[in-house]
Amino acid sequence: MNTITTDNPISSEQTSILACLASILIPASDKYDIPGADDETIMSDIISAAREHAESFKTGLDAFDAYAQSEFDTDFVSLDHDDRMAIVEHFQDNAPHFIHALVSVTVSVYYQDTRVMKSLGLEARPPFPEGYELPQGDWSMLDPVKERGEIWRKAD
């Protein structure tokens, strides 16, 4: 992992749980020659992005481990894929806010990775300064708005 230990907002155990969850969300593909979301570089970026939600991530990841202990008498990382999926499904039903945050962070980081963008046929660059061509729409749809005139009060 490229993240400096003291910079990591989550523990090594929580990082392992997060990597397992990331690999469930987006597994590697040999067919398309792309990494899974548990790739070391991508995981480092996921951890950095999770800083904004560090406390909820810590709580959620600990809850996964606690549930694994209570249901399977072992930690989440030691479980096989089917048992991990059963726990993920439990949390989808019972803690959807954490799952939503986890998916949101993982997917947004994953699709910024250069290797993933290239596999999708996209240039691995930000959209600007070169920009992308946008289809031009029907600007006449705004005519009623323009004809209405100002509908706000001017600031002093």
C-alpha atoms as a PDB file:
ATOM      1  CA  MET A   1       0.000   0.000   0.000  1.00  0.00           C
ATOM      2  CA  ASN A   2       1.398   3.418  -0.918  1.00  0.00           C
ATOM      3  CA  THR A   3      -0.349   5.218   1.922  1.00  0.00           C
ATOM      4  CA  ILE A   4       1.949   6.161   4.787  1.00  0.00           C
ATOM      5  CA  THR A   5       0.737   4.329   7.879  1.00  0.00           C
ATOM      6  CA  THR A   6       0.297   7.499   9.922  1.00  0.00           C
ATOM      7  CA  ASP A   7      -1.697   9.055   7.064  1.00  0.00           C
ATOM      8  CA  ASN A   8      -4.035   6.089   6.860  1.00  0.00           C
ATOM      9  CA  PRO A   9      -7.327   6.968   8.580  1.00  0.00           C
ATOM     10  CA  ILE A  10      -8.184   3.281   9.043  1.00  0.00           C
ATOM     11  CA  SER A  11      -6.317   0.398  10.701  1.00  0.00           C
ATOM     12  CA  SER A  12      -4.561  -2.393   8.808  1.00  0.00           C
ATOM     13  CA  GLU A  13      -7.393  -4.787   9.749  1.00  0.00           C
ATOM     14  CA  GLN A  14      -9.962  -2.318   8.430  1.00  0.00           C
ATOM     15  CA  THR A  15      -7.871  -1.876   5.280  1.00  0.00           C
ATOM     16  CA  SER A  16      -7.962  -5.646   4.708  1.00  0.00           C
ATOM     17  CA  ILE A  17     -11.747  -5.670   5.118  1.00  0.00           C
ATOM     18  CA  LEU A  18     -12.036  -2.714   2.738  1.00  0.00           C
ATOM     19  CA  ALA A  19      -9.879  -4.534   0.161  1.00  0.00           C
ATOM     20  CA  CYS A  20     -12.133  -7.612   0.395  1.00  0.00           C
ATOM     21  CA  LEU A  21     -15.223  -5.462  -0.088  1.00  0.00           C
ATOM     22  CA  ALA A  22     -13.620  -3.586  -2.991  1.00  0.00           C
ATOM     23  CA  SER A  23     -12.797  -6.882  -4.723  1.00  0.00           C
ATOM     24  CA  ILE A  24     -16.422  -7.977  -4.305  1.00  0.00           C
ATOM     25  CA  LEU A  25     -17.685  -4.706  -5.788  1.00  0.00           C
ATOM     26  CA  ILE A  26     -15.285  -4.655  -8.739  1.00  0.00           C
ATOM     27  CA  PRO A  27     -13.283  -7.847  -9.289  1.00  0.00           C
ATOM     28  CA  ALA A  28     -10.262  -7.967 -11.591  1.00  0.00           C
ATOM     29  CA  SER A  29     -10.861  -9.048 -15.193  1.00  0.00           C
ATOM     30  CA  ASP A  30      -8.332 -11.140 -17.086  1.00  0.00           C
ATOM     31  CA  LYS A  31     -10.532 -10.867 -20.167  1.00  0.00           C
ATOM     32  CA  TYR A  32     -10.183  -7.068 -20.266  1.00  0.00           C
ATOM     33  CA  ASP A  33      -6.786  -6.993 -18.548  1.00  0.00           C
ATOM     34  CA  ILE A  34      -7.904  -4.584 -15.831  1.00  0.00           C
ATOM     35  CA  PRO A  35      -7.309  -4.665 -12.102  1.00  0.00           C
ATOM     36  CA  GLY A  36      -9.978  -5.085  -9.490  1.00  0.00           C
ATOM     37  CA  ALA A  37     -10.781  -2.343  -7.034  1.00  0.00           C
ATOM     38  CA  ASP A  38      -8.546  -4.144  -4.518  1.00  0.00           C
ATOM     39  CA  ASP A  39      -5.462  -3.305  -6.614  1.00  0.00           C
ATOM     40  CA  GLU A  40      -2.767  -1.692  -4.446  1.00  0.00           C
ATOM     41  CA  THR A  41      -2.753   1.615  -6.337  1.00  0.00           C
ATOM     42  CA  ILE A  42      -6.531   1.848  -6.445  1.00  0.00           C
ATOM     43  CA  MET A  43      -6.835   0.867  -2.771  1.00  0.00           C
ATOM     44  CA  SER A  44      -4.418   3.633  -1.836  1.00  0.00           C
ATOM     45  CA  ASP A  45      -6.653   6.118  -3.641  1.00  0.00           C
ATOM     46  CA  ILE A  46      -9.795   4.644  -2.051  1.00  0.00           C
ATOM     47  CA  ILE A  47      -8.264   5.084   1.398  1.00  0.00           C
ATOM     48  CA  SER A  48      -7.357   8.673   0.568  1.00  0.00           C
ATOM     49  CA  ALA A  49     -10.898   9.348  -0.657  1.00  0.00           C
ATOM     50  CA  ALA A  50     -12.347   7.674   2.445  1.00  0.00           C
ATOM     51  CA  ARG A  51     -10.630  10.228   4.706  1.00  0.00           C
ATOM     52  CA  GLU A  52     -13.643  12.489   4.246  1.00  0.00           C
ATOM     53  CA  HIS A  53     -15.849   9.742   5.709  1.00  0.00           C
ATOM     54  CA  ALA A  54     -13.222   8.177   8.009  1.00  0.00           C
ATOM     55  CA  GLU A  55     -15.396   7.730  11.093  1.00  0.00           C
ATOM     56  CA  SER A  56     -18.323   6.171   9.230  1.00  0.00           C
ATOM     57  CA  PHE A  57     -15.922   3.923   7.306  1.00  0.00           C
ATOM     58  CA  LYS A  58     -14.240   2.788  10.529  1.00  0.00           C
ATOM     59  CA  THR A  59     -17.615   2.071  12.111  1.00  0.00           C
ATOM     60  CA  GLY A  60     -18.915   0.259   9.030  1.00  0.00           C
ATOM     61  CA  LEU A  61     -15.809  -1.857   8.533  1.00  0.00           C
ATOM     62  CA  ASP A  62     -15.751  -2.798  12.220  1.00  0.00           C
ATOM     63  CA  ALA A  63     -19.421  -3.762  11.950  1.00  0.00           C
ATOM     64  CA  PHE A  64     -18.593  -6.132   9.073  1.00  0.00           C
ATOM     65  CA  ASP A  65     -15.952  -7.815  11.191  1.00  0.00           C
ATOM     66  CA  ALA A  66     -18.177  -7.973  14.284  1.00  0.00           C
ATOM     67  CA  TYR A  67     -21.005  -9.505  12.263  1.00  0.00           C
ATOM     68  CA  ALA A  68     -18.611 -12.089  10.787  1.00  0.00           C
ATOM     69  CA  GLN A  69     -17.457 -12.971  14.315  1.00  0.00           C
ATOM     70  CA  SER A  70     -21.032 -13.332  15.576  1.00  0.00           C
ATOM     71  CA  GLU A  71     -22.325 -15.347  12.611  1.00  0.00           C
ATOM     72  CA  PHE A  72     -19.274 -17.359  11.519  1.00  0.00           C
ATOM     73  CA  ASP A  73     -16.965 -17.199  14.559  1.00  0.00           C
ATOM     74  CA  THR A  74     -14.109 -15.762  12.491  1.00  0.00           C
ATOM     75  CA  ASP A  75     -13.038 -12.437  11.031  1.00  0.00           C
ATOM     76  CA  PHE A  76     -14.467 -11.152   7.741  1.00  0.00           C
ATOM     77  CA  VAL A  77     -11.189 -11.488   5.821  1.00  0.00           C
ATOM     78  CA  SER A  78     -10.937 -15.225   6.644  1.00  0.00           C
ATOM     79  CA  LEU A  79     -14.366 -16.037   5.213  1.00  0.00           C
ATOM     80  CA  ASP A  80     -14.893 -17.588   1.798  1.00  0.00           C
ATOM     81  CA  HIS A  81     -16.560 -15.612  -0.981  1.00  0.00           C
ATOM     82  CA  ASP A  82     -20.073 -16.961  -0.370  1.00  0.00           C
ATOM     83  CA  ASP A  83     -20.004 -16.114   3.343  1.00  0.00           C
ATOM     84  CA  ARG A  84     -18.651 -12.641   2.582  1.00  0.00           C
ATOM     85  CA  MET A  85     -21.476 -12.129   0.091  1.00  0.00           C
ATOM     86  CA  ALA A  86     -24.029 -13.188   2.710  1.00  0.00           C
ATOM     87  CA  ILE A  87     -22.672 -10.499   5.030  1.00  0.00           C
ATOM     88  CA  VAL A  88     -22.679  -7.879   2.261  1.00  0.00           C
ATOM     89  CA  GLU A  89     -26.321  -8.720   1.518  1.00  0.00           C
ATOM     90  CA  HIS A  90     -27.138  -8.414   5.229  1.00  0.00           C
ATOM     91  CA  PHE A  91     -25.591  -4.941   5.302  1.00  0.00           C
ATOM     92  CA  GLN A  92     -27.350  -3.921   2.082  1.00  0.00           C
ATOM     93  CA  ASP A  93     -30.614  -4.552   3.894  1.00  0.00           C
ATOM     94  CA  ASN A  94     -29.604  -3.243   7.327  1.00  0.00           C
ATOM     95  CA  ALA A  95     -26.994  -0.518   6.733  1.00  0.00           C
ATOM     96  CA  PRO A  96     -27.667   0.880   3.251  1.00  0.00           C
ATOM     97  CA  HIS A  97     -26.031   4.242   4.034  1.00  0.00           C
ATOM     98  CA  PHE A  98     -22.641   2.632   4.640  1.00  0.00           C
ATOM     99  CA  ILE A  99     -22.959   0.441   1.546  1.00  0.00           C
ATOM    100  CA  HIS A 100     -23.908   3.504  -0.529  1.00  0.00           C
ATOM    101  CA  ALA A 101     -20.856   5.436   0.726  1.00  0.00           C
ATOM    102  CA  LEU A 102     -18.603   2.429   0.125  1.00  0.00           C
ATOM    103  CA  VAL A 103     -19.870   1.920  -3.428  1.00  0.00           C
ATOM    104  CA  SER A 104     -19.725   5.636  -4.209  1.00  0.00           C
ATOM    105  CA  VAL A 105     -16.111   6.051  -3.085  1.00  0.00           C
ATOM    106  CA  THR A 106     -14.950   2.783  -4.653  1.00  0.00           C
ATOM    107  CA  VAL A 107     -16.557   3.363  -8.042  1.00  0.00           C
ATOM    108  CA  SER A 108     -15.509   7.009  -8.330  1.00  0.00           C
ATOM    109  CA  VAL A 109     -11.884   6.143  -7.541  1.00  0.00           C
ATOM    110  CA  TYR A 110     -11.829   3.016  -9.707  1.00  0.00           C
ATOM    111  CA  TYR A 111     -12.996   4.762 -12.864  1.00  0.00           C
ATOM    112  CA  GLN A 112     -10.330   7.443 -12.475  1.00  0.00           C
ATOM    113  CA  ASP A 113      -7.541   4.861 -12.740  1.00  0.00           C
ATOM    114  CA  THR A 114      -5.505   5.210 -15.935  1.00  0.00           C
ATOM    115  CA  ARG A 115      -5.588   1.475 -16.714  1.00  0.00           C
ATOM    116  CA  VAL A 116      -9.364   1.333 -16.351  1.00  0.00           C
ATOM    117  CA  MET A 117      -9.946   4.432 -18.476  1.00  0.00           C
ATOM    118  CA  LYS A 118      -7.717   3.064 -21.250  1.00  0.00           C
ATOM    119  CA  SER A 119      -9.551  -0.276 -21.177  1.00  0.00           C
ATOM    120  CA  LEU A 120     -12.798   1.645 -21.733  1.00  0.00           C
ATOM    121  CA  GLY A 121     -11.305   3.368 -24.767  1.00  0.00           C
ATOM    122  CA  LEU A 122     -11.058   6.731 -23.020  1.00  0.00           C
ATOM    123  CA  GLU A 123      -8.082   9.014 -22.855  1.00  0.00           C
ATOM    124  CA  ALA A 124      -6.562   8.877 -19.398  1.00  0.00           C
ATOM    125  CA  ARG A 125      -6.714  12.610 -18.777  1.00  0.00           C
ATOM    126  CA  PRO A 126      -8.964  15.123 -17.103  1.00  0.00           C
ATOM    127  CA  PRO A 127     -11.788  16.474 -19.275  1.00  0.00           C
ATOM    128  CA  PHE A 128     -10.186  19.927 -19.363  1.00  0.00           C
ATOM    129  CA  PRO A 129      -8.298  21.852 -20.740  1.00  0.00           C
ATOM    130  CA  GLU A 130      -8.881  19.909 -23.968  1.00  0.00           C
ATOM    131  CA  GLY A 131     -12.507  19.264 -23.147  1.00  0.00           C
ATOM    132  CA  TYR A 132     -14.908  16.897 -24.810  1.00  0.00           C
ATOM    133  CA  GLU A 133     -17.257  17.546 -27.712  1.00  0.00           C
ATOM    134  CA  LEU A 134     -20.796  17.905 -26.432  1.00  0.00           C
ATOM    135  CA  PRO A 135     -23.815  17.443 -28.654  1.00  0.00           C
ATOM    136  CA  GLN A 136     -25.573  20.722 -29.320  1.00  0.00           C
ATOM    137  CA  GLY A 137     -29.169  20.818 -28.213  1.00  0.00           C
ATOM    138  CA  ASP A 138     -32.163  22.877 -29.214  1.00  0.00           C
ATOM    139  CA  TRP A 139     -31.455  26.300 -27.683  1.00  0.00           C
ATOM    140  CA  SER A 140     -34.876  27.579 -28.721  1.00  0.00           C
ATOM    141  CA  MET A 141     -36.268  25.704 -25.725  1.00  0.00           C
ATOM    142  CA  LEU A 142     -34.890  28.559 -23.600  1.00  0.00           C
ATOM    143  CA  ASP A 143     -36.861  31.247 -25.476  1.00  0.00           C
ATOM    144  CA  PRO A 144     -39.764  31.306 -22.970  1.00  0.00           C
ATOM    145  CA  VAL A 145     -37.282  31.837 -20.151  1.00  0.00           C
ATOM    146  CA  LYS A 146     -35.531  34.653 -21.998  1.00  0.00           C
ATOM    147  CA  GLU A 147     -38.868  36.296 -22.879  1.00  0.00           C
ATOM    148  CA  ARG A 148     -39.984  36.220 -19.266  1.00  0.00           C
ATOM    149  CA  GLY A 149     -37.291  38.724 -18.345  1.00  0.00           C
ATOM    150  CA  GLU A 150     -35.713  39.222 -14.951  1.00  0.00           C
ATOM    151  CA  ILE A 151     -37.636  37.674 -12.082  1.00  0.00           C
ATOM    152  CA  TRP A 152     -35.172  38.454  -9.323  1.00  0.00           C
ATOM    153  CA  ARG A 153     -34.497  41.445  -7.177  1.00  0.00           C
ATOM    154  CA  LYS A 154     -31.183  43.177  -7.836  1.00  0.00           C
ATOM    155  CA  ALA A 155     -28.723  43.233  -4.961  1.00  0.00           C
ATOM    156  CA  ASP A 156     -27.743  46.656  -3.629  1.00  0.00           C
END
